[in-house]
């Protein structure tokens, strides 16, 4: 089995490595995470006015 773990809190977020390590005996784990916290980043985009 293969599992993809992802978050928007960054790869250093509490629990992400722990979760990946705890599941590594059950599956091949791939972690995708930004290099820094991106929580709420989608709400900061503002459309350009015309």
PDB file of N, CA and C in Angstrom:
ATOM      1  N   UNK A   1       0.852  -1.161   0.000  1.00  0.00           N
ATOM      2  CA  UNK A   1       0.000   0.000   0.000  1.00  0.00           C
ATOM      3  C   UNK A   1       0.905   1.234   0.000  1.00  0.00           C
ATOM      4  N   UNK A   2       0.434   2.278  -0.662  1.00  0.00           N
ATOM      5  CA  UNK A   2       1.144   3.552  -0.677  1.00  0.00           C
ATOM      6  C   UNK A   2       0.230   4.618  -0.081  1.00  0.00           C
ATOM      7  N   UNK A   3       0.801   5.475   0.751  1.00  0.00           N
ATOM      8  CA  UNK A   3       0.048   6.561   1.373  1.00  0.00           C
ATOM      9  C   UNK A   3       0.736   7.888   1.090  1.00  0.00           C
ATOM     10  N   UNK A   4      -0.079   8.901   0.842  1.00  0.00           N
ATOM     11  CA  UNK A   4       0.400  10.264   0.664  1.00  0.00           C
ATOM     12  C   UNK A   4      -0.072  11.073   1.856  1.00  0.00           C
ATOM     13  N   UNK A   5       0.870  11.645   2.602  1.00  0.00           N
ATOM     14  CA  UNK A   5       0.534  12.525   3.717  1.00  0.00           C
ATOM     15  C   UNK A   5       0.827  13.954   3.284  1.00  0.00           C
ATOM     16  N   UNK A   6      -0.089  14.845   3.589  1.00  0.00           N
ATOM     17  CA  UNK A   6       0.065  16.233   3.195  1.00  0.00           C
ATOM     18  C   UNK A   6      -0.494  17.136   4.283  1.00  0.00           C
ATOM     19  N   UNK A   7       0.023  18.347   4.346  1.00  0.00           N
ATOM     20  CA  UNK A   7      -0.524  19.347   5.256  1.00  0.00           C
ATOM     21  C   UNK A   7      -0.205  20.733   4.708  1.00  0.00           C
ATOM     22  N   UNK A   8      -0.723  21.747   5.369  1.00  0.00           N
ATOM     23  CA  UNK A   8      -0.397  23.116   4.972  1.00  0.00           C
ATOM     24  C   UNK A   8       0.363  23.838   6.075  1.00  0.00           C
ATOM     25  N   UNK A   9       0.801  23.083   7.081  1.00  0.00           N
ATOM     26  CA  UNK A   9       1.501  23.663   8.226  1.00  0.00           C
ATOM     27  C   UNK A   9       3.016  23.604   8.096  1.00  0.00           C
ATOM     28  N   UNK A  10       3.522  23.036   7.026  1.00  0.00           N
ATOM     29  CA  UNK A  10       4.961  22.908   6.844  1.00  0.00           C
ATOM     30  C   UNK A  10       5.463  21.542   7.275  1.00  0.00           C
ATOM     31  N   UNK A  11       6.605  21.163   6.736  1.00  0.00           N
ATOM     32  CA  UNK A  11       7.119  19.820   7.000  1.00  0.00           C
ATOM     33  C   UNK A  11       7.610  19.646   8.433  1.00  0.00           C
ATOM     34  N   UNK A  12       7.825  20.732   9.161  1.00  0.00           N
ATOM     35  CA  UNK A  12       8.255  20.642  10.555  1.00  0.00           C
ATOM     36  C   UNK A  12       7.086  20.628  11.538  1.00  0.00           C
ATOM     37  N   UNK A  13       5.871  20.576  11.055  1.00  0.00           N
ATOM     38  CA  UNK A  13       4.686  20.607  11.916  1.00  0.00           C
ATOM     39  C   UNK A  13       4.673  19.433  12.889  1.00  0.00           C
ATOM     40  N   UNK A  14       4.211  19.719  14.099  1.00  0.00           N
ATOM     41  CA  UNK A  14       4.087  18.670  15.112  1.00  0.00           C
ATOM     42  C   UNK A  14       3.222  17.539  14.584  1.00  0.00           C
ATOM     43  N   UNK A  15       3.709  16.336  14.732  1.00  0.00           N
ATOM     44  CA  UNK A  15       2.910  15.171  14.398  1.00  0.00           C
ATOM     45  C   UNK A  15       3.104  14.614  13.006  1.00  0.00           C
ATOM     46  N   UNK A  16       3.561  15.403  12.054  1.00  0.00           N
ATOM     47  CA  UNK A  16       3.683  14.905  10.685  1.00  0.00           C
ATOM     48  C   UNK A  16       4.731  13.795  10.593  1.00  0.00           C
ATOM     49  N   UNK A  17       5.903  14.027  11.140  1.00  0.00           N
ATOM     50  CA  UNK A  17       6.948  12.993  11.119  1.00  0.00           C
ATOM     51  C   UNK A  17       6.544  11.795  11.965  1.00  0.00           C
ATOM     52  N   UNK A  18       5.903  12.056  13.094  1.00  0.00           N
ATOM     53  CA  UNK A  18       5.443  10.967  13.958  1.00  0.00           C
ATOM     54  C   UNK A  18       4.441  10.089  13.229  1.00  0.00           C
ATOM     55  N   UNK A  19       3.507  10.708  12.539  1.00  0.00           N
ATOM     56  CA  UNK A  19       2.514   9.957  11.775  1.00  0.00           C
ATOM     57  C   UNK A  19       3.185   9.146  10.668  1.00  0.00           C
ATOM     58  N   UNK A  20       4.095   9.777   9.942  1.00  0.00           N
ATOM     59  CA  UNK A  20       4.785   9.079   8.857  1.00  0.00           C
ATOM     60  C   UNK A  20       5.575   7.886   9.390  1.00  0.00           C
ATOM     61  N   UNK A  21       6.283   8.081  10.488  1.00  0.00           N
ATOM     62  CA  UNK A  21       7.061   6.979  11.068  1.00  0.00           C
ATOM     63  C   UNK A  21       6.170   5.865  11.590  1.00  0.00           C
ATOM     64  N   UNK A  22       5.059   6.234  12.200  1.00  0.00           N
ATOM     65  CA  UNK A  22       4.178   5.206  12.758  1.00  0.00           C
ATOM     66  C   UNK A  22       3.491   4.382  11.671  1.00  0.00           C
ATOM     67  N   UNK A  23       3.309   4.955  10.492  1.00  0.00           N
ATOM     68  CA  UNK A  23       2.671   4.238   9.389  1.00  0.00           C
ATOM     69  C   UNK A  23       3.667   3.546   8.460  1.00  0.00           C
ATOM     70  N   UNK A  24       4.949   3.813   8.647  1.00  0.00           N
ATOM     71  CA  UNK A  24       5.952   3.316   7.703  1.00  0.00           C
ATOM     72  C   UNK A  24       6.062   1.797   7.673  1.00  0.00           C
ATOM     73  N   UNK A  25       5.673   1.111   8.737  1.00  0.00           N
ATOM     74  CA  UNK A  25       5.679  -0.356   8.721  1.00  0.00           C
ATOM     75  C   UNK A  25       4.489  -0.925   7.951  1.00  0.00           C
ATOM     76  N   UNK A  26       3.480  -0.107   7.728  1.00  0.00           N
ATOM     77  CA  UNK A  26       2.260  -0.562   7.063  1.00  0.00           C
ATOM     78  C   UNK A  26       2.205  -0.215   5.581  1.00  0.00           C
ATOM     79  N   UNK A  27       2.955   0.813   5.180  1.00  0.00           N
ATOM     80  CA  UNK A  27       2.836   1.300   3.805  1.00  0.00           C
ATOM     81  C   UNK A  27       4.078   2.076   3.405  1.00  0.00           C
ATOM     82  N   UNK A  28       4.205   2.319   2.105  1.00  0.00           N
ATOM     83  CA  UNK A  28       5.220   3.236   1.591  1.00  0.00           C
ATOM     84  C   UNK A  28       4.653   4.641   1.738  1.00  0.00           C
ATOM     85  N   UNK A  29       5.362   5.491   2.459  1.00  0.00           N
ATOM     86  CA  UNK A  29       4.859   6.821   2.800  1.00  0.00           C
ATOM     87  C   UNK A  29       5.556   7.880   1.955  1.00  0.00           C
ATOM     88  N   UNK A  30       4.772   8.785   1.396  1.00  0.00           N
ATOM     89  CA  UNK A  30       5.279   9.983   0.741  1.00  0.00           C
ATOM     90  C   UNK A  30       4.685  11.175   1.469  1.00  0.00           C
ATOM     91  N   UNK A  31       5.539  12.121   1.860  1.00  0.00           N
ATOM     92  CA  UNK A  31       5.079  13.323   2.555  1.00  0.00           C
ATOM     93  C   UNK A  31       5.254  14.512   1.620  1.00  0.00           C
ATOM     94  N   UNK A  32       4.188  15.299   1.479  1.00  0.00           N
ATOM     95  CA  UNK A  32       4.220  16.527   0.686  1.00  0.00           C
ATOM     96  C   UNK A  32       3.777  17.658   1.601  1.00  0.00           C
ATOM     97  N   UNK A  33       4.681  18.612   1.817  1.00  0.00           N
ATOM     98  CA  UNK A  33       4.373  19.725   2.715  1.00  0.00           C
ATOM     99  C   UNK A  33       5.230  20.923   2.305  1.00  0.00           C
ATOM    100  N   UNK A  34       4.734  22.128   2.530  1.00  0.00           N
ATOM    101  CA  UNK A  34       5.513  23.320   2.192  1.00  0.00           C
ATOM    102  C   UNK A  34       6.699  23.491   3.143  1.00  0.00           C
ATOM    103  N   UNK A  35       7.631  24.343   2.759  1.00  0.00           N
ATOM    104  CA  UNK A  35       8.812  24.554   3.592  1.00  0.00           C
ATOM    105  C   UNK A  35       8.540  25.456   4.797  1.00  0.00           C
ATOM    106  N   UNK A  36       7.364  26.060   4.847  1.00  0.00           N
ATOM    107  CA  UNK A  36       6.960  26.873   6.013  1.00  0.00           C
ATOM    108  C   UNK A  36       5.438  26.820   6.120  1.00  0.00           C
ATOM    109  N   UNK A  37       4.918  27.298   7.222  1.00  0.00           N
ATOM    110  CA  UNK A  37       3.482  27.258   7.474  1.00  0.00           C
ATOM    111  C   UNK A  37       2.732  28.067   6.418  1.00  0.00           C
ATOM    112  N   UNK A  38       1.752  27.443   5.798  1.00  0.00           N
ATOM    113  CA  UNK A  38       0.922  28.096   4.787  1.00  0.00           C
ATOM    114  C   UNK A  38      -0.559  28.099   5.187  1.00  0.00           C
ATOM    115  N   UNK A  39      -0.849  27.835   6.449  1.00  0.00           N
ATOM    116  CA  UNK A  39      -2.242  27.805   6.902  1.00  0.00           C
ATOM    117  C   UNK A  39      -2.912  29.142   6.621  1.00  0.00           C
ATOM    118  N   UNK A  40      -4.053  29.101   5.983  1.00  0.00           N
ATOM    119  CA  UNK A  40      -4.807  30.311   5.680  1.00  0.00           C
ATOM    120  C   UNK A  40      -4.268  31.114   4.509  1.00  0.00           C
ATOM    121  N   UNK A  41      -3.254  30.621   3.836  1.00  0.00           N
ATOM    122  CA  UNK A  41      -2.655  31.379   2.728  1.00  0.00           C
ATOM    123  C   UNK A  41      -3.645  31.623   1.597  1.00  0.00           C
ATOM    124  N   UNK A  42      -4.571  30.706   1.386  1.00  0.00           N
ATOM    125  CA  UNK A  42      -5.531  30.871   0.300  1.00  0.00           C
ATOM    126  C   UNK A  42      -6.458  32.056   0.542  1.00  0.00           C
ATOM    127  N   UNK A  43      -6.609  32.489   1.769  1.00  0.00           N
ATOM    128  CA  UNK A  43      -7.504  33.606   2.066  1.00  0.00           C
ATOM    129  C   UNK A  43      -6.811  34.953   1.921  1.00  0.00           C
ATOM    130  N   UNK A  44      -5.493  34.959   1.664  1.00  0.00           N
ATOM    131  CA  UNK A  44      -4.775  36.219   1.575  1.00  0.00           C
ATOM    132  C   UNK A  44      -4.677  36.754   0.152  1.00  0.00           C
ATOM    133  N   UNK A  45      -5.129  35.966  -0.825  1.00  0.00           N
ATOM    134  CA  UNK A  45      -5.056  36.403  -2.208  1.00  0.00           C
ATOM    135  C   UNK A  45      -6.167  37.399  -2.493  1.00  0.00           C
ATOM    136  N   UNK A  46      -5.831  38.489  -3.143  1.00  0.00           N
ATOM    137  CA  UNK A  46      -6.812  39.510  -3.516  1.00  0.00           C
ATOM    138  C   UNK A  46      -6.778  39.665  -5.031  1.00  0.00           C
ATOM    139  N   UNK A  47      -7.946  39.594  -5.651  1.00  0.00           N
ATOM    140  CA  UNK A  47      -8.034  39.748  -7.102  1.00  0.00           C
ATOM    141  C   UNK A  47      -7.698  41.182  -7.484  1.00  0.00           C
ATOM    142  N   UNK A  48      -6.949  41.355  -8.561  1.00  0.00           N
ATOM    143  CA  UNK A  48      -6.629  42.714  -9.002  1.00  0.00           C
ATOM    144  C   UNK A  48      -7.891  43.448  -9.448  1.00  0.00           C
ATOM    145  N   UNK A  49      -7.966  44.720  -9.120  1.00  0.00           N
ATOM    146  CA  UNK A  49      -9.124  45.508  -9.554  1.00  0.00           C
ATOM    147  C   UNK A  49      -8.869  46.039 -10.957  1.00  0.00           C
ATOM    148  N   UNK A  50      -9.933  46.252 -11.674  1.00  0.00           N
ATOM    149  CA  UNK A  50      -9.803  46.738 -13.059  1.00  0.00           C
ATOM    150  C   UNK A  50      -9.970  48.211 -13.142  1.00  0.00           C
TER     151      UNK A  50
END
